[in-house]
Amino acid sequence: MRSCLSERALFLVLENDADDVARAHVQTCATCATRYDALARDVRVLGSTLRQWPPPASAAPARVWWKPALAAAAIMLAVWGVWGTGRRDAVDDGASPSLAEVSRALFSTEDVDVLAAADSNEDFRPLEAALHGDGPDDDAWEIGDDE
């Protein structure tokens, strides 16, 4: 005897896309006939539900999330504005350099000659020697004319 049909095979019988053997099995097998009837009922319910227009309104209204978020942002801006203004008054303007001063110091090309002269300074010879891997026995480690 043939085993019972799968859900897919039952659906194909319901849609008239199955072969004659599957249809005959549904007519002779009580288990498959019961499953076929339940599947047919479920498909009818789904079809009638999907054909309803407009869909039934949901019980709970859609939650408006942007209003509390906007209120929180406004409160944060107000607190930051009050706190930030008070903090800015307490800081001495001469204590911290401005962005323009920092940019001039970092990207200045005016003192290139001074920096080049510092490159040849005798005081930096031991540092340069250490950076190049020279040991303390080399001549670069001797500082000035102490002899």
N, C-alpha and C. Protein backbone atom coordinates (compact mmCIF):
# COMPACT_ATOMS: atom_id res chain seq x y z
N MET A 1 0.85 -1.20 0.00
CA MET A 1 0.00 0.00 0.00
C MET A 1 0.88 1.24 0.00
N ARG A 2 0.45 2.27 -0.64
CA ARG A 2 1.20 3.51 -0.75
C ARG A 2 1.05 4.31 0.54
N SER A 3 2.14 5.04 0.95
CA SER A 3 2.07 5.86 2.16
C SER A 3 1.24 7.11 1.89
N CYS A 4 0.92 7.82 2.95
CA CYS A 4 0.09 9.02 2.81
C CYS A 4 0.82 10.12 2.07
N LEU A 5 0.06 11.04 1.52
CA LEU A 5 0.61 12.12 0.70
C LEU A 5 1.19 13.22 1.58
N SER A 6 2.16 13.92 1.02
CA SER A 6 2.74 15.09 1.71
C SER A 6 1.78 16.27 1.60
N GLU A 7 2.09 17.31 2.35
CA GLU A 7 1.26 18.53 2.29
C GLU A 7 1.30 19.14 0.89
N ARG A 8 2.46 19.08 0.27
CA ARG A 8 2.59 19.62 -1.09
C ARG A 8 1.73 18.83 -2.07
N ALA A 9 1.75 17.51 -1.94
CA ALA A 9 0.95 16.68 -2.84
C ALA A 9 -0.54 16.93 -2.61
N LEU A 10 -0.94 17.11 -1.36
CA LEU A 10 -2.34 17.42 -1.07
C LEU A 10 -2.74 18.77 -1.68
N PHE A 11 -1.84 19.73 -1.60
CA PHE A 11 -2.12 21.04 -2.19
C PHE A 11 -2.26 20.93 -3.71
N LEU A 12 -1.41 20.12 -4.32
CA LEU A 12 -1.52 19.92 -5.77
C LEU A 12 -2.84 19.26 -6.15
N VAL A 13 -3.32 18.32 -5.31
CA VAL A 13 -4.63 17.71 -5.56
C VAL A 13 -5.71 18.77 -5.44
N LEU A 14 -5.60 19.64 -4.44
CA LEU A 14 -6.58 20.71 -4.24
C LEU A 14 -6.60 21.66 -5.43
N GLU A 15 -5.47 21.93 -6.02
CA GLU A 15 -5.39 22.85 -7.16
C GLU A 15 -5.57 22.15 -8.51
N ASN A 16 -5.91 20.88 -8.48
CA ASN A 16 -6.10 20.08 -9.70
C ASN A 16 -4.83 19.99 -10.55
N ASP A 17 -3.69 19.97 -9.89
CA ASP A 17 -2.42 19.83 -10.59
C ASP A 17 -1.75 18.49 -10.29
N ALA A 18 -2.42 17.61 -9.58
CA ALA A 18 -1.82 16.33 -9.21
C ALA A 18 -2.18 15.26 -10.24
N ASP A 19 -1.45 14.17 -10.18
CA ASP A 19 -1.74 13.05 -11.09
C ASP A 19 -2.94 12.23 -10.58
N ASP A 20 -3.41 11.33 -11.39
CA ASP A 20 -4.60 10.51 -11.05
C ASP A 20 -4.35 9.62 -9.84
N VAL A 21 -3.13 9.15 -9.66
CA VAL A 21 -2.81 8.27 -8.53
C VAL A 21 -2.99 9.01 -7.21
N ALA A 22 -2.53 10.26 -7.15
CA ALA A 22 -2.66 11.05 -5.92
C ALA A 22 -4.13 11.34 -5.64
N ARG A 23 -4.90 11.66 -6.67
CA ARG A 23 -6.34 11.93 -6.47
C ARG A 23 -7.06 10.67 -5.98
N ALA A 24 -6.71 9.54 -6.54
CA ALA A 24 -7.34 8.27 -6.13
C ALA A 24 -6.97 7.95 -4.69
N HIS A 25 -5.73 8.27 -4.30
CA HIS A 25 -5.31 8.00 -2.93
C HIS A 25 -6.12 8.82 -1.93
N VAL A 26 -6.37 10.08 -2.25
CA VAL A 26 -7.16 10.94 -1.34
C VAL A 26 -8.58 10.37 -1.20
N GLN A 27 -9.12 9.80 -2.27
CA GLN A 27 -10.48 9.25 -2.20
C GLN A 27 -10.53 7.93 -1.43
N THR A 28 -9.43 7.20 -1.36
CA THR A 28 -9.46 5.90 -0.68
C THR A 28 -8.88 5.94 0.72
N CYS A 29 -8.03 6.92 1.04
CA CYS A 29 -7.37 6.98 2.36
C CYS A 29 -8.12 7.96 3.26
N ALA A 30 -8.61 7.49 4.40
CA ALA A 30 -9.38 8.34 5.32
C ALA A 30 -8.50 9.44 5.93
N THR A 31 -7.24 9.12 6.24
CA THR A 31 -6.34 10.12 6.84
C THR A 31 -6.07 11.25 5.85
N CYS A 32 -5.75 10.90 4.62
CA CYS A 32 -5.48 11.93 3.60
C CYS A 32 -6.74 12.71 3.25
N ALA A 33 -7.90 12.06 3.27
CA ALA A 33 -9.17 12.77 3.00
C ALA A 33 -9.43 13.80 4.07
N THR A 34 -9.17 13.46 5.35
CA THR A 34 -9.36 14.40 6.46
C THR A 34 -8.39 15.57 6.32
N ARG A 35 -7.13 15.26 6.02
CA ARG A 35 -6.13 16.32 5.85
C ARG A 35 -6.47 17.20 4.64
N TYR A 36 -6.98 16.59 3.58
CA TYR A 36 -7.38 17.33 2.39
C TYR A 36 -8.52 18.31 2.71
N ASP A 37 -9.52 17.85 3.48
CA ASP A 37 -10.64 18.72 3.86
C ASP A 37 -10.16 19.90 4.71
N ALA A 38 -9.23 19.64 5.66
CA ALA A 38 -8.71 20.71 6.51
C ALA A 38 -7.92 21.72 5.68
N LEU A 39 -7.13 21.22 4.73
CA LEU A 39 -6.36 22.11 3.86
C LEU A 39 -7.29 22.95 2.98
N ALA A 40 -8.35 22.34 2.46
CA ALA A 40 -9.30 23.08 1.63
C ALA A 40 -9.98 24.18 2.44
N ARG A 41 -10.34 23.86 3.70
CA ARG A 41 -10.98 24.85 4.57
C ARG A 41 -10.01 26.00 4.86
N ASP A 42 -8.74 25.69 5.15
CA ASP A 42 -7.75 26.73 5.43
C ASP A 42 -7.51 27.63 4.22
N VAL A 43 -7.47 27.05 3.04
CA VAL A 43 -7.26 27.85 1.82
C VAL A 43 -8.45 28.76 1.58
N ARG A 44 -9.67 28.28 1.86
CA ARG A 44 -10.86 29.13 1.70
C ARG A 44 -10.81 30.31 2.68
N VAL A 45 -10.44 30.04 3.94
CA VAL A 45 -10.37 31.12 4.94
C VAL A 45 -9.31 32.15 4.54
N LEU A 46 -8.15 31.66 4.11
CA LEU A 46 -7.10 32.59 3.68
C LEU A 46 -7.55 33.42 2.48
N GLY A 47 -8.18 32.79 1.53
CA GLY A 47 -8.66 33.52 0.35
C GLY A 47 -9.68 34.58 0.70
N SER A 48 -10.64 34.26 1.57
CA SER A 48 -11.66 35.25 1.94
C SER A 48 -11.05 36.39 2.76
N THR A 49 -10.06 36.07 3.59
CA THR A 49 -9.40 37.11 4.38
C THR A 49 -8.62 38.05 3.49
N LEU A 50 -7.91 37.50 2.52
CA LEU A 50 -7.12 38.34 1.64
C LEU A 50 -7.98 39.16 0.68
N ARG A 51 -9.20 38.71 0.40
CA ARG A 51 -10.07 39.46 -0.50
C ARG A 51 -10.78 40.62 0.20
N GLN A 52 -10.77 40.68 1.51
CA GLN A 52 -11.42 41.78 2.22
C GLN A 52 -10.61 43.05 2.00
N TRP A 53 -11.31 44.13 1.63
CA TRP A 53 -10.64 45.40 1.45
C TRP A 53 -11.48 46.50 1.99
N PRO A 54 -11.01 47.43 2.69
CA PRO A 54 -9.66 47.53 3.24
C PRO A 54 -9.49 46.54 4.39
N PRO A 55 -8.28 46.23 4.73
CA PRO A 55 -8.06 45.29 5.83
C PRO A 55 -8.60 45.88 7.13
N PRO A 56 -9.01 45.04 8.05
CA PRO A 56 -9.54 45.57 9.31
C PRO A 56 -8.49 46.40 10.03
N ALA A 57 -8.96 47.49 10.64
CA ALA A 57 -8.05 48.39 11.35
C ALA A 57 -7.49 47.69 12.58
N SER A 58 -6.27 48.01 12.90
CA SER A 58 -5.66 47.41 14.09
C SER A 58 -6.28 48.02 15.34
N ALA A 59 -6.25 47.26 16.40
CA ALA A 59 -6.86 47.70 17.64
C ALA A 59 -6.09 48.86 18.26
N ALA A 60 -4.76 48.80 18.19
CA ALA A 60 -3.94 49.85 18.79
C ALA A 60 -3.51 50.83 17.70
N PRO A 61 -3.63 52.13 17.96
CA PRO A 61 -3.17 53.09 16.96
C PRO A 61 -1.64 53.04 16.83
N ALA A 62 -1.17 53.47 15.70
CA ALA A 62 0.28 53.48 15.47
C ALA A 62 0.94 54.42 16.46
N ARG A 63 2.03 53.96 17.04
CA ARG A 63 2.74 54.77 18.03
C ARG A 63 3.56 55.84 17.32
N VAL A 64 3.43 57.04 17.80
CA VAL A 64 4.19 58.16 17.23
C VAL A 64 5.49 58.26 18.02
N TRP A 65 6.59 57.84 17.41
CA TRP A 65 7.86 57.80 18.12
C TRP A 65 8.65 59.09 17.96
N TRP A 66 8.36 59.86 16.94
CA TRP A 66 9.20 61.01 16.67
C TRP A 66 8.91 62.19 17.60
N LYS A 67 7.71 62.26 18.17
CA LYS A 67 7.41 63.37 19.07
C LYS A 67 8.23 63.32 20.35
N PRO A 68 8.30 62.16 21.04
CA PRO A 68 9.18 62.11 22.22
C PRO A 68 10.65 62.29 21.86
N ALA A 69 11.05 61.79 20.71
CA ALA A 69 12.45 61.95 20.30
C ALA A 69 12.77 63.42 20.03
N LEU A 70 11.84 64.13 19.42
CA LEU A 70 12.04 65.55 19.15
C LEU A 70 12.09 66.35 20.46
N ALA A 71 11.22 66.00 21.40
CA ALA A 71 11.23 66.68 22.70
C ALA A 71 12.55 66.42 23.44
N ALA A 72 13.03 65.19 23.40
CA ALA A 72 14.29 64.87 24.07
C ALA A 72 15.45 65.63 23.44
N ALA A 73 15.45 65.72 22.12
CA ALA A 73 16.52 66.45 21.43
C ALA A 73 16.48 67.93 21.78
N ALA A 74 15.29 68.51 21.87
CA ALA A 74 15.17 69.92 22.23
C ALA A 74 15.67 70.16 23.66
N ILE A 75 15.35 69.27 24.56
CA ILE A 75 15.81 69.40 25.95
C ILE A 75 17.33 69.29 26.01
N MET A 76 17.89 68.33 25.26
CA MET A 76 19.34 68.17 25.25
C MET A 76 20.04 69.40 24.70
N LEU A 77 19.49 69.98 23.64
CA LEU A 77 20.08 71.19 23.07
C LEU A 77 20.01 72.35 24.05
N ALA A 78 18.89 72.48 24.75
CA ALA A 78 18.75 73.56 25.72
C ALA A 78 19.75 73.40 26.86
N VAL A 79 19.87 72.19 27.38
CA VAL A 79 20.82 71.94 28.48
C VAL A 79 22.25 72.18 28.00
N TRP A 80 22.58 71.70 26.82
CA TRP A 80 23.92 71.88 26.28
C TRP A 80 24.21 73.37 26.05
N GLY A 81 23.22 74.11 25.55
CA GLY A 81 23.41 75.54 25.32
C GLY A 81 23.66 76.29 26.61
N VAL A 82 22.89 75.99 27.67
CA VAL A 82 23.07 76.67 28.95
C VAL A 82 24.39 76.24 29.58
N TRP A 83 24.67 74.96 29.60
CA TRP A 83 25.88 74.47 30.24
C TRP A 83 27.11 74.86 29.44
N GLY A 84 27.01 74.78 28.12
CA GLY A 84 28.15 75.12 27.27
C GLY A 84 28.50 76.59 27.34
N THR A 85 27.50 77.47 27.44
CA THR A 85 27.76 78.90 27.55
C THR A 85 28.43 79.22 28.86
N GLY A 86 27.98 78.61 29.93
CA GLY A 86 28.60 78.85 31.24
C GLY A 86 30.03 78.35 31.29
N ARG A 87 30.31 77.23 30.67
CA ARG A 87 31.66 76.67 30.66
C ARG A 87 32.59 77.52 29.80
N ARG A 88 32.09 78.05 28.71
CA ARG A 88 32.91 78.85 27.83
C ARG A 88 33.34 80.15 28.51
N ASP A 89 32.48 80.73 29.36
CA ASP A 89 32.82 81.95 30.08
C ASP A 89 33.88 81.70 31.14
N ALA A 90 33.89 80.50 31.70
CA ALA A 90 34.82 80.19 32.79
C ALA A 90 36.23 79.93 32.28
N VAL A 91 36.39 79.56 31.02
CA VAL A 91 37.71 79.25 30.47
C VAL A 91 38.39 80.54 30.03
N ASP A 92 39.65 80.68 30.39
CA ASP A 92 40.43 81.84 29.98
C ASP A 92 40.75 81.70 28.50
N ASP A 93 40.42 82.73 27.72
CA ASP A 93 40.64 82.65 26.27
C ASP A 93 42.12 82.55 25.92
N GLY A 94 43.00 83.11 26.76
CA GLY A 94 44.42 83.05 26.48
C GLY A 94 45.04 81.70 26.80
N ALA A 95 44.33 80.85 27.53
CA ALA A 95 44.88 79.58 27.95
C ALA A 95 44.88 78.54 26.84
N SER A 96 43.94 78.61 25.93
CA SER A 96 43.89 77.61 24.87
C SER A 96 44.08 78.30 23.52
N PRO A 97 44.93 77.72 22.67
CA PRO A 97 45.17 78.36 21.37
C PRO A 97 43.96 78.17 20.45
N SER A 98 43.82 79.12 19.58
CA SER A 98 42.72 79.01 18.61
C SER A 98 43.13 78.05 17.50
N LEU A 99 42.19 77.68 16.72
CA LEU A 99 42.45 76.77 15.60
C LEU A 99 43.40 77.40 14.60
N ALA A 100 43.27 78.68 14.40
CA ALA A 100 44.17 79.37 13.46
C ALA A 100 45.60 79.34 13.97
N GLU A 101 45.80 79.54 15.28
CA GLU A 101 47.15 79.50 15.84
C GLU A 101 47.76 78.11 15.71
N VAL A 102 46.96 77.09 15.98
CA VAL A 102 47.45 75.71 15.86
C VAL A 102 47.80 75.40 14.41
N SER A 103 46.98 75.83 13.48
CA SER A 103 47.24 75.59 12.06
C SER A 103 48.52 76.29 11.63
N ARG A 104 48.71 77.55 12.07
CA ARG A 104 49.93 78.27 11.72
C ARG A 104 51.16 77.57 12.27
N ALA A 105 51.06 77.06 13.49
CA ALA A 105 52.20 76.38 14.10
C ALA A 105 52.53 75.06 13.40
N LEU A 106 51.52 74.34 13.00
CA LEU A 106 51.75 73.04 12.39
C LEU A 106 52.14 73.11 10.92
N PHE A 107 51.57 74.04 10.20
CA PHE A 107 51.74 74.06 8.76
C PHE A 107 52.50 75.28 8.25
N SER A 108 53.23 75.92 9.11
CA SER A 108 53.97 77.11 8.72
C SER A 108 55.18 76.74 7.88
N THR A 109 55.46 77.55 6.88
CA THR A 109 56.66 77.37 6.06
C THR A 109 57.62 78.54 6.25
N GLU A 110 57.31 79.45 7.16
CA GLU A 110 58.12 80.63 7.37
C GLU A 110 59.45 80.30 8.04
N ASP A 111 59.50 79.35 8.94
CA ASP A 111 60.70 79.07 9.72
C ASP A 111 61.43 77.83 9.24
N VAL A 112 61.38 77.55 7.96
CA VAL A 112 62.05 76.37 7.42
C VAL A 112 63.55 76.48 7.60
N ASP A 113 64.12 77.70 7.43
CA ASP A 113 65.55 77.89 7.60
C ASP A 113 65.98 77.62 9.03
N VAL A 114 65.16 78.02 9.99
CA VAL A 114 65.48 77.79 11.40
C VAL A 114 65.48 76.30 11.69
N LEU A 115 64.51 75.57 11.13
CA LEU A 115 64.44 74.13 11.35
C LEU A 115 65.61 73.43 10.67
N ALA A 116 66.00 73.89 9.50
CA ALA A 116 67.14 73.29 8.80
C ALA A 116 68.42 73.52 9.58
N ALA A 117 68.57 74.69 10.18
CA ALA A 117 69.75 74.98 10.98
C ALA A 117 69.78 74.10 12.22
N ALA A 118 68.62 73.81 12.78
CA ALA A 118 68.56 72.96 13.97
C ALA A 118 68.96 71.53 13.63
N ASP A 119 68.80 71.17 12.38
CA ASP A 119 69.17 69.83 11.93
C ASP A 119 70.67 69.62 12.06
N SER A 120 71.44 70.66 11.81
CA SER A 120 72.88 70.52 11.86
C SER A 120 73.46 70.89 13.22
N ASN A 121 72.65 71.17 14.17
CA ASN A 121 73.10 71.56 15.50
C ASN A 121 73.86 70.41 16.15
N GLU A 122 74.96 70.72 16.79
CA GLU A 122 75.80 69.71 17.42
C GLU A 122 75.09 69.02 18.59
N ASP A 123 74.15 69.69 19.23
CA ASP A 123 73.47 69.11 20.38
C ASP A 123 72.59 67.93 20.00
N PHE A 124 72.21 67.85 18.74
CA PHE A 124 71.32 66.77 18.30
C PHE A 124 72.08 65.57 17.74
N ARG A 125 73.39 65.64 17.67
CA ARG A 125 74.17 64.55 17.08
C ARG A 125 73.97 63.23 17.81
N PRO A 126 73.99 63.18 19.15
CA PRO A 126 73.76 61.88 19.82
C PRO A 126 72.37 61.31 19.54
N LEU A 127 71.38 62.18 19.48
CA LEU A 127 70.02 61.72 19.19
C LEU A 127 69.93 61.17 17.77
N GLU A 128 70.53 61.88 16.83
CA GLU A 128 70.53 61.40 15.45
C GLU A 128 71.28 60.09 15.33
N ALA A 129 72.39 59.97 16.04
CA ALA A 129 73.18 58.73 16.00
C ALA A 129 72.37 57.57 16.56
N ALA A 130 71.65 57.80 17.65
CA ALA A 130 70.84 56.74 18.24
C ALA A 130 69.71 56.34 17.31
N LEU A 131 69.13 57.30 16.63
CA LEU A 131 68.05 56.99 15.71
C LEU A 131 68.54 56.21 14.50
N HIS A 132 69.78 56.44 14.10
CA HIS A 132 70.34 55.73 12.96
C HIS A 132 71.00 54.42 13.35
N GLY A 133 71.00 54.09 14.64
CA GLY A 133 71.54 52.81 15.09
C GLY A 133 73.01 52.85 15.43
N ASP A 134 73.62 54.02 15.48
CA ASP A 134 75.03 54.12 15.85
C ASP A 134 75.15 53.91 17.35
N GLY A 135 76.20 53.31 17.77
CA GLY A 135 76.41 53.04 19.19
C GLY A 135 77.12 54.18 19.89
N PRO A 136 77.30 54.09 21.20
CA PRO A 136 77.96 55.16 21.97
C PRO A 136 79.46 55.24 21.70
N ASP A 137 80.04 54.26 21.03
CA ASP A 137 81.47 54.31 20.75
C ASP A 137 81.79 55.18 19.55
N ASP A 138 80.79 55.51 18.76
CA ASP A 138 81.02 56.28 17.55
C ASP A 138 81.29 57.74 17.88
N ASP A 139 81.82 58.47 16.90
CA ASP A 139 82.16 59.89 17.08
C ASP A 139 80.92 60.75 17.30
N ALA A 140 79.74 60.28 16.84
CA ALA A 140 78.52 61.09 16.95
C ALA A 140 78.11 61.29 18.39
N TRP A 141 78.58 60.46 19.29
CA TRP A 141 78.16 60.56 20.68
C TRP A 141 78.95 61.62 21.44
N GLU A 142 79.98 62.12 20.86
CA GLU A 142 80.75 63.15 21.53
C GLU A 142 80.04 64.49 21.37
N ILE A 143 79.83 65.17 22.46
CA ILE A 143 79.08 66.41 22.45
C ILE A 143 80.08 67.57 22.59
N GLY A 144 79.98 68.49 21.64
CA GLY A 144 80.76 69.74 21.73
C GLY A 144 82.26 69.52 21.75
N ASP A 145 82.99 70.55 22.21
CA ASP A 145 84.44 70.53 22.26
C ASP A 145 84.91 70.51 23.70
N ASP A 146 84.50 69.52 24.47
CA ASP A 146 84.84 69.45 25.88
C ASP A 146 86.29 69.03 26.09
N GLU A 147 86.97 68.50 25.10
CA GLU A 147 88.32 67.99 25.26
C GLU A 147 89.34 69.06 25.24
